[in-house]
N, C-alpha and C. Protein backbone atom coordinates (compact mmCIF):
# COMPACT_ATOMS: atom_id res chain seq x y z
N MET A 1 95.56 31.24 -48.91
CA MET A 1 94.85 30.99 -49.86
C MET A 1 93.68 31.45 -49.88
N GLY A 2 93.33 32.17 -51.18
CA GLY A 2 92.06 32.89 -51.33
C GLY A 2 90.78 32.74 -51.31
N THR A 3 89.80 33.59 -51.03
CA THR A 3 88.73 33.62 -50.48
C THR A 3 87.68 32.44 -51.91
N GLY A 4 88.22 32.53 -52.75
CA GLY A 4 87.27 31.59 -53.58
C GLY A 4 87.89 29.78 -53.30
N ILE A 5 89.16 29.71 -53.35
CA ILE A 5 89.34 28.69 -53.18
C ILE A 5 88.95 28.18 -51.56
N LEU A 6 88.82 28.91 -50.86
CA LEU A 6 88.33 28.19 -49.28
C LEU A 6 87.01 28.30 -49.32
N ALA A 7 86.52 28.98 -49.94
CA ALA A 7 84.36 28.90 -50.14
C ALA A 7 84.58 27.77 -50.92
N ALA A 8 85.51 27.06 -52.26
CA ALA A 8 85.08 25.68 -52.96
C ALA A 8 85.73 25.21 -52.01
N ALA A 9 86.29 24.91 -50.70
CA ALA A 9 87.01 23.93 -50.25
C ALA A 9 85.59 23.32 -49.40
N TRP A 10 85.00 24.61 -48.54
CA TRP A 10 84.65 24.38 -47.23
C TRP A 10 82.86 23.89 -48.39
N MET A 11 82.79 24.46 -49.52
CA MET A 11 80.99 23.82 -50.30
C MET A 11 81.54 22.15 -50.56
N CYS A 12 82.72 22.01 -50.95
CA CYS A 12 82.85 20.37 -51.31
C CYS A 12 83.46 19.67 -49.94
N LEU A 13 83.32 20.18 -49.03
CA LEU A 13 83.54 19.26 -47.61
C LEU A 13 82.61 18.58 -47.05
N VAL A 14 82.56 17.53 -47.34
CA VAL A 14 81.17 16.54 -46.81
C VAL A 14 81.79 15.62 -46.11
N VAL A 15 80.53 15.49 -44.60
CA VAL A 15 81.18 15.02 -43.73
C VAL A 15 79.67 13.85 -43.47
N GLY A 16 79.03 14.21 -44.15
CA GLY A 16 77.85 13.42 -44.27
C GLY A 16 76.37 13.83 -44.06
N GLN A 17 76.65 15.11 -43.17
CA GLN A 17 74.79 15.77 -42.64
C GLN A 17 75.37 16.93 -43.17
N THR A 18 73.83 17.59 -42.64
CA THR A 18 74.12 18.93 -42.97
C THR A 18 74.01 19.46 -41.46
N ALA A 19 74.28 20.87 -40.91
CA ALA A 19 74.47 20.78 -39.06
C ALA A 19 73.11 20.96 -38.63
N ASP A 20 71.98 20.69 -39.51
CA ASP A 20 70.75 20.57 -38.53
C ASP A 20 70.32 18.83 -38.71
N ASN A 21 70.84 18.17 -39.46
CA ASN A 21 70.40 17.00 -39.98
C ASN A 21 71.41 16.18 -38.51
N ILE A 22 71.18 14.69 -37.85
CA ILE A 22 71.30 14.97 -37.04
C ILE A 22 71.59 12.67 -37.21
N HIS A 23 72.61 11.91 -37.49
CA HIS A 23 72.97 11.06 -37.80
C HIS A 23 72.87 10.07 -36.68
N TYR A 24 72.01 8.88 -37.17
CA TYR A 24 71.51 7.83 -35.59
C TYR A 24 72.35 6.52 -36.46
N THR A 25 72.88 6.14 -34.78
CA THR A 25 73.61 4.63 -35.29
C THR A 25 74.00 3.93 -34.23
N ASN A 26 73.73 2.82 -34.44
CA ASN A 26 74.15 1.65 -33.43
C ASN A 26 75.36 1.00 -33.56
N GLN A 27 76.27 1.63 -34.44
CA GLN A 27 78.10 1.19 -34.49
C GLN A 27 78.69 2.33 -34.02
N ARG A 28 79.73 1.62 -33.13
CA ARG A 28 80.65 3.00 -33.01
C ARG A 28 81.50 2.86 -33.53
N ASN A 29 82.33 2.30 -34.70
CA ASN A 29 83.34 2.49 -35.60
C ASN A 29 82.59 3.50 -36.77
N HIS A 30 83.30 4.40 -37.25
CA HIS A 30 82.76 4.96 -38.26
C HIS A 30 84.18 5.63 -39.04
N GLU A 31 83.43 6.16 -40.34
CA GLU A 31 84.72 6.41 -41.61
C GLU A 31 83.96 7.96 -41.72
N ILE A 32 84.48 8.78 -41.13
CA ILE A 32 83.76 10.10 -41.91
C ILE A 32 84.51 10.53 -43.28
N PRO A 33 84.06 10.90 -43.94
CA PRO A 33 84.45 11.48 -45.47
C PRO A 33 84.90 12.89 -45.49
N VAL A 34 86.10 13.05 -45.91
CA VAL A 34 86.25 14.01 -46.52
C VAL A 34 86.24 14.42 -47.95
N ASN A 35 85.44 15.08 -48.66
CA ASN A 35 85.32 15.01 -49.84
C ASN A 35 85.80 16.39 -50.15
N VAL A 36 87.01 16.62 -51.09
CA VAL A 36 87.44 17.47 -51.45
C VAL A 36 87.59 18.09 -53.20
N GLN A 37 87.38 18.73 -53.51
CA GLN A 37 88.23 18.90 -55.11
C GLN A 37 89.51 18.45 -55.13
N GLU A 38 90.24 17.50 -55.71
CA GLU A 38 91.29 17.76 -56.18
C GLU A 38 92.94 18.87 -56.30
N SER A 39 92.05 19.76 -56.73
CA SER A 39 92.79 20.89 -56.99
C SER A 39 92.78 21.28 -55.78
N VAL A 40 92.33 21.49 -54.69
CA VAL A 40 92.15 21.87 -53.47
C VAL A 40 92.87 20.95 -52.45
N ARG A 41 92.57 19.99 -53.01
CA ARG A 41 93.57 18.92 -52.02
C ARG A 41 95.04 19.19 -51.77
N ALA A 42 95.18 19.36 -52.95
CA ALA A 42 96.84 19.58 -53.61
C ALA A 42 97.41 20.50 -52.88
N GLU A 43 96.54 21.91 -52.48
CA GLU A 43 96.93 22.79 -51.44
C GLU A 43 97.18 22.50 -50.44
N MET A 44 96.56 21.44 -49.71
CA MET A 44 96.45 21.06 -48.20
C MET A 44 97.76 20.38 -47.84
N ARG A 45 97.94 20.25 -46.77
CA ARG A 45 98.87 19.57 -46.11
C ARG A 45 97.99 18.50 -45.29
N GLU A 46 97.34 18.70 -44.44
CA GLU A 46 96.66 17.65 -43.33
C GLU A 46 94.85 18.02 -43.16
N TYR A 47 94.05 17.30 -42.74
CA TYR A 47 92.82 17.66 -42.20
C TYR A 47 92.72 17.37 -40.70
N LEU A 48 92.17 18.00 -40.27
CA LEU A 48 91.76 17.31 -38.91
C LEU A 48 90.42 17.91 -38.22
N LEU A 49 90.66 16.71 -37.19
CA LEU A 49 88.67 15.91 -37.42
C LEU A 49 88.65 16.31 -35.41
N TYR A 50 87.50 17.28 -35.54
CA TYR A 50 87.53 17.97 -33.94
C TYR A 50 86.18 17.20 -33.35
N MET A 51 86.19 16.66 -32.12
CA MET A 51 84.90 16.14 -31.70
C MET A 51 84.41 16.90 -30.38
N SER A 52 83.04 17.09 -29.85
CA SER A 52 82.83 17.35 -29.18
C SER A 52 81.80 16.12 -28.41
N SER A 53 81.72 15.77 -27.26
CA SER A 53 80.55 15.07 -26.62
C SER A 53 79.69 15.45 -25.69
N ASP A 54 79.82 16.86 -25.58
CA ASP A 54 78.88 17.86 -24.79
C ASP A 54 78.17 18.92 -25.26
N GLN A 55 77.84 18.37 -26.93
CA GLN A 55 77.32 19.32 -27.57
C GLN A 55 77.93 20.53 -27.67
N GLY A 56 79.26 20.42 -28.04
CA GLY A 56 79.91 22.08 -28.45
C GLY A 56 80.57 23.15 -27.41
N ARG A 57 80.26 22.33 -25.91
CA ARG A 57 80.76 23.17 -24.88
C ARG A 57 82.50 23.02 -25.15
N ASN A 58 82.73 22.00 -24.97
CA ASN A 58 84.33 21.80 -24.92
C ASN A 58 84.94 20.91 -26.28
N TRP A 59 85.55 21.04 -27.25
CA TRP A 59 86.19 20.41 -27.83
C TRP A 59 87.52 19.78 -28.26
N GLN A 60 87.64 18.87 -28.59
CA GLN A 60 89.16 17.87 -28.54
C GLN A 60 89.12 17.98 -29.88
N GLN A 61 90.37 17.65 -30.35
CA GLN A 61 90.98 16.96 -31.71
C GLN A 61 90.67 15.62 -31.47
N ALA A 62 90.14 14.66 -32.38
CA ALA A 62 89.53 13.35 -32.90
C ALA A 62 90.79 12.99 -33.53
N GLY A 63 91.36 13.58 -34.16
CA GLY A 63 92.22 12.69 -35.39
C GLY A 63 92.82 13.86 -36.50
N ALA A 64 93.73 13.28 -37.20
CA ALA A 64 94.17 14.14 -38.49
C ALA A 64 94.75 13.18 -39.89
N ILE A 65 94.34 13.35 -40.50
CA ILE A 65 94.78 12.72 -41.37
C ILE A 65 95.29 13.55 -42.94
N PRO A 66 96.42 12.82 -43.70
CA PRO A 66 97.42 14.17 -44.27
C PRO A 66 96.02 13.99 -45.40
N ALA A 67 96.38 14.92 -46.02
CA ALA A 67 95.50 15.69 -47.32
C ALA A 67 95.33 14.17 -48.48
N SER A 68 96.45 13.21 -48.52
CA SER A 68 95.94 12.30 -49.69
C SER A 68 94.87 11.76 -48.84
N LYS A 69 94.58 11.36 -47.81
CA LYS A 69 93.11 10.49 -47.31
C LYS A 69 92.15 11.00 -47.92
N LYS A 70 91.04 10.05 -47.77
CA LYS A 70 89.93 10.81 -47.91
C LYS A 70 88.81 11.03 -46.72
N ALA A 71 89.32 10.19 -45.21
CA ALA A 71 88.12 9.76 -44.43
C ALA A 71 89.31 9.91 -43.52
N PHE A 72 88.24 9.79 -42.25
CA PHE A 72 89.04 10.02 -40.56
C PHE A 72 88.13 8.87 -39.98
N ALA A 73 89.35 7.76 -39.69
CA ALA A 73 88.63 6.51 -39.10
C ALA A 73 88.59 7.01 -37.54
N PHE A 74 87.09 7.00 -37.07
CA PHE A 74 86.47 7.44 -35.77
C PHE A 74 86.21 6.22 -35.05
N TYR A 75 86.20 5.67 -33.57
CA TYR A 75 85.79 4.90 -32.83
C TYR A 75 85.52 5.75 -31.72
N ALA A 76 83.98 5.67 -31.83
CA ALA A 76 83.17 6.11 -30.07
C ALA A 76 83.41 5.28 -28.71
N PRO A 77 84.36 6.16 -27.75
CA PRO A 77 84.40 5.39 -26.24
C PRO A 77 83.19 5.01 -26.29
N GLY A 78 82.41 5.36 -26.48
CA GLY A 78 80.58 5.40 -25.89
C GLY A 78 79.46 5.34 -26.34
N ASP A 79 78.67 5.25 -25.85
CA ASP A 79 77.15 5.73 -26.57
C ASP A 79 77.32 7.48 -26.26
N GLY A 80 76.34 8.14 -27.06
CA GLY A 80 76.37 9.47 -26.62
C GLY A 80 75.92 10.22 -28.23
N ILE A 81 75.75 11.52 -27.51
CA ILE A 81 75.91 12.49 -28.96
C ILE A 81 77.15 13.10 -28.80
N TYR A 82 77.52 12.93 -30.40
CA TYR A 82 78.91 13.77 -30.85
C TYR A 82 78.84 14.70 -31.86
N TRP A 83 79.26 15.48 -31.86
CA TRP A 83 79.60 16.38 -32.35
C TRP A 83 80.82 16.47 -33.56
N PHE A 84 81.11 17.08 -34.68
CA PHE A 84 82.21 17.01 -35.29
C PHE A 84 82.12 18.29 -36.37
N GLN A 85 83.68 18.80 -35.85
CA GLN A 85 83.79 20.01 -37.16
C GLN A 85 85.64 19.26 -37.65
N VAL A 86 85.48 19.82 -38.79
CA VAL A 86 86.31 19.75 -39.61
C VAL A 86 87.47 20.46 -40.03
N ALA A 87 89.08 20.82 -39.86
CA ALA A 87 89.69 21.88 -40.15
C ALA A 87 90.81 21.52 -41.06
N PHE A 88 91.40 22.56 -41.81
CA PHE A 88 92.32 22.44 -42.87
C PHE A 88 93.40 22.74 -42.49
N VAL A 89 94.33 22.46 -42.92
CA VAL A 89 95.68 22.87 -42.39
C VAL A 89 96.64 22.71 -43.88
N ASN A 90 96.57 24.14 -44.43
CA ASN A 90 97.34 24.21 -45.89
C ASN A 90 99.18 24.06 -45.99
N LYS A 91 99.37 24.51 -46.72
CA LYS A 91 101.00 23.67 -46.84
C LYS A 91 101.86 24.98 -46.37
N ALA A 92 101.28 25.71 -45.77
CA ALA A 92 101.87 27.36 -45.10
C ALA A 92 102.05 26.76 -43.93
N ASN A 93 101.52 25.45 -43.44
CA ASN A 93 100.75 25.29 -42.01
C ASN A 93 99.92 26.49 -41.28
N VAL A 94 98.86 26.88 -41.93
CA VAL A 94 98.20 27.61 -41.61
C VAL A 94 96.66 26.94 -41.57
N GLN A 95 96.10 26.68 -39.89
CA GLN A 95 94.82 25.89 -39.88
C GLN A 95 93.67 27.00 -40.56
N ASP A 96 92.43 25.97 -40.56
CA ASP A 96 91.50 27.00 -41.14
C ASP A 96 90.17 25.95 -40.89
N PRO A 97 89.39 26.41 -40.03
CA PRO A 97 89.31 27.58 -39.17
C PRO A 97 90.14 26.89 -38.25
N ASP A 98 90.86 28.36 -37.21
CA ASP A 98 91.70 28.09 -36.29
C ASP A 98 90.71 27.72 -35.08
N ASP A 99 91.62 27.34 -34.11
CA ASP A 99 91.28 26.37 -32.84
C ASP A 99 90.17 27.48 -32.48
N LYS A 100 90.10 28.95 -31.89
CA LYS A 100 89.12 29.47 -31.16
C LYS A 100 87.73 29.79 -32.12
N THR A 101 88.18 29.16 -33.09
CA THR A 101 86.78 29.65 -34.48
C THR A 101 85.75 27.83 -34.16
N ILE A 102 86.63 27.15 -34.00
CA ILE A 102 86.16 25.88 -33.63
C ILE A 102 85.34 25.77 -32.42
N LEU A 103 86.07 26.82 -31.12
CA LEU A 103 85.28 26.63 -29.97
C LEU A 103 83.59 26.96 -30.41
N ARG A 104 83.57 28.40 -31.24
CA ARG A 104 82.10 29.18 -31.50
C ARG A 104 81.35 28.86 -32.62
N SER A 105 82.04 27.58 -33.45
CA SER A 105 81.36 27.32 -34.79
C SER A 105 80.12 26.19 -34.50
N ALA A 106 79.37 26.16 -35.22
CA ALA A 106 78.49 25.11 -35.16
C ALA A 106 79.14 23.76 -36.05
N PRO A 107 78.72 22.69 -35.62
CA PRO A 107 78.96 21.49 -36.13
C PRO A 107 78.81 21.26 -37.55
N HIS A 108 79.87 20.39 -38.33
CA HIS A 108 79.22 20.25 -39.29
C HIS A 108 78.93 18.73 -39.53
N LEU A 109 78.59 17.94 -38.45
CA LEU A 109 78.07 16.84 -38.13
C LEU A 109 77.36 16.47 -37.00
N LYS A 110 76.46 15.85 -37.06
CA LYS A 110 76.07 15.36 -35.34
C LYS A 110 75.41 13.96 -35.60
N MET A 111 76.05 13.30 -34.61
CA MET A 111 75.43 11.62 -34.50
C MET A 111 75.31 11.28 -33.26
N VAL A 112 74.48 10.57 -33.12
CA VAL A 112 73.94 9.82 -32.00
C VAL A 112 74.44 8.53 -32.17
N ILE A 113 75.15 7.82 -31.08
CA ILE A 113 75.49 6.65 -31.25
C ILE A 113 74.72 6.12 -30.01
N ASP A 114 74.11 4.94 -30.38
CA ASP A 114 73.16 3.73 -29.06
C ASP A 114 73.60 2.82 -29.59
N THR A 115 74.46 2.02 -29.03
CA THR A 115 74.57 0.82 -28.88
C THR A 115 73.73 -0.49 -28.18
N LEU A 116 73.17 0.14 -27.09
CA LEU A 116 72.20 -0.81 -26.57
C LEU A 116 70.96 -0.78 -26.83
N LYS A 117 70.41 -2.15 -26.93
CA LYS A 117 69.21 -1.87 -27.35
C LYS A 117 67.79 -1.67 -26.30
N PRO A 118 66.83 -0.84 -26.28
CA PRO A 118 65.95 -0.25 -25.25
C PRO A 118 65.30 -1.83 -23.84
N ILE A 119 65.31 -1.37 -23.17
CA ILE A 119 64.71 -2.45 -22.09
C ILE A 119 63.20 -1.89 -21.84
N VAL A 120 62.53 -2.80 -21.56
CA VAL A 120 61.05 -3.08 -22.02
C VAL A 120 60.54 -3.35 -20.91
N ARG A 121 60.36 -2.55 -19.88
CA ARG A 121 59.61 -3.24 -18.40
C ARG A 121 58.00 -3.66 -18.22
N SER A 122 57.73 -3.83 -17.60
CA SER A 122 56.05 -3.84 -17.07
C SER A 122 54.89 -4.05 -17.91
N PHE A 123 55.50 -5.12 -18.95
CA PHE A 123 54.39 -5.09 -19.97
C PHE A 123 53.04 -5.61 -19.50
N GLN A 124 52.08 -5.03 -19.48
CA GLN A 124 50.57 -5.60 -19.23
C GLN A 124 49.85 -5.18 -20.15
N ALA A 125 48.36 -6.11 -20.30
CA ALA A 125 47.51 -5.93 -21.31
C ALA A 125 46.35 -6.90 -20.72
N GLN A 126 45.49 -5.31 -20.72
CA GLN A 126 43.96 -6.14 -19.88
C GLN A 126 42.78 -5.85 -20.71
N ARG A 127 41.97 -6.53 -20.92
CA ARG A 127 40.94 -6.27 -21.68
C ARG A 127 39.94 -5.17 -20.51
N VAL A 128 39.23 -4.81 -21.43
CA VAL A 128 38.27 -3.37 -20.99
C VAL A 128 37.11 -3.46 -22.00
N GLY A 129 36.28 -4.11 -21.84
CA GLY A 129 35.26 -4.09 -22.81
C GLY A 129 35.64 -4.60 -23.80
N ASP A 130 35.15 -3.96 -25.29
CA ASP A 130 35.45 -4.25 -26.60
C ASP A 130 37.23 -3.61 -26.70
N GLU A 131 37.54 -3.23 -25.87
CA GLU A 131 39.33 -3.07 -26.11
C GLU A 131 40.12 -3.10 -25.22
N VAL A 132 41.47 -3.19 -25.55
CA VAL A 132 42.60 -4.15 -24.92
C VAL A 132 43.79 -2.62 -24.48
N LEU A 133 43.69 -2.62 -23.05
CA LEU A 133 44.97 -1.58 -22.33
C LEU A 133 46.22 -2.01 -22.38
N VAL A 134 47.18 -1.54 -23.20
CA VAL A 134 48.30 -2.03 -23.06
C VAL A 134 49.08 -0.87 -22.12
N THR A 135 49.97 -1.25 -21.25
CA THR A 135 51.30 -0.57 -20.26
C THR A 135 52.39 -0.99 -20.56
N TRP A 136 53.20 0.04 -20.72
CA TRP A 136 55.02 -0.62 -20.57
C TRP A 136 55.74 0.66 -19.73
N ASP A 137 57.04 -0.21 -19.63
CA ASP A 137 57.92 1.82 -19.59
C ASP A 137 59.28 0.88 -20.40
N VAL A 138 59.45 1.98 -20.74
CA VAL A 138 60.68 1.66 -22.02
C VAL A 138 62.05 2.50 -21.42
N GLN A 139 63.13 1.78 -21.18
CA GLN A 139 64.53 2.80 -20.65
C GLN A 139 65.54 2.80 -22.02
N GLU A 140 65.20 3.84 -22.41
CA GLU A 140 66.04 4.27 -23.83
C GLU A 140 66.98 5.60 -23.38
N ASP A 141 68.25 5.54 -23.03
CA ASP A 141 69.02 7.23 -23.35
C ASP A 141 69.16 7.59 -24.31
N HIS A 142 69.04 6.84 -25.43
CA HIS A 142 69.26 7.69 -26.83
C HIS A 142 68.24 7.48 -27.65
């Protein structure tokens, strides 16, 4: 694959956010889109989705789709922070980025999944002169 096509593929690859942004959601089912130009898609065999649930210390393949598909289906096993990267495999069976590069690279998408509502405890209000003093304790993991 030529450098120009490789650059075009990565520039067109969209998984929802830039690496600096974090997507927050209260849903566990997600569709992670792979938007590439049709000319690039024709040169690919499949796309691979990699996921890290420990902020990039460990990565594992979380999905694979043929190049004809336009999105990965992802179901989060639990609440937490998930990082994602997408690799592609061309028709010559060459993966880019390879597994070693995946381990060192920044995520394409960061997602925080939080399906639990916060727990509010110790809600108290007391009048102090003309003001009201309100205290509470909130438990919220994400």
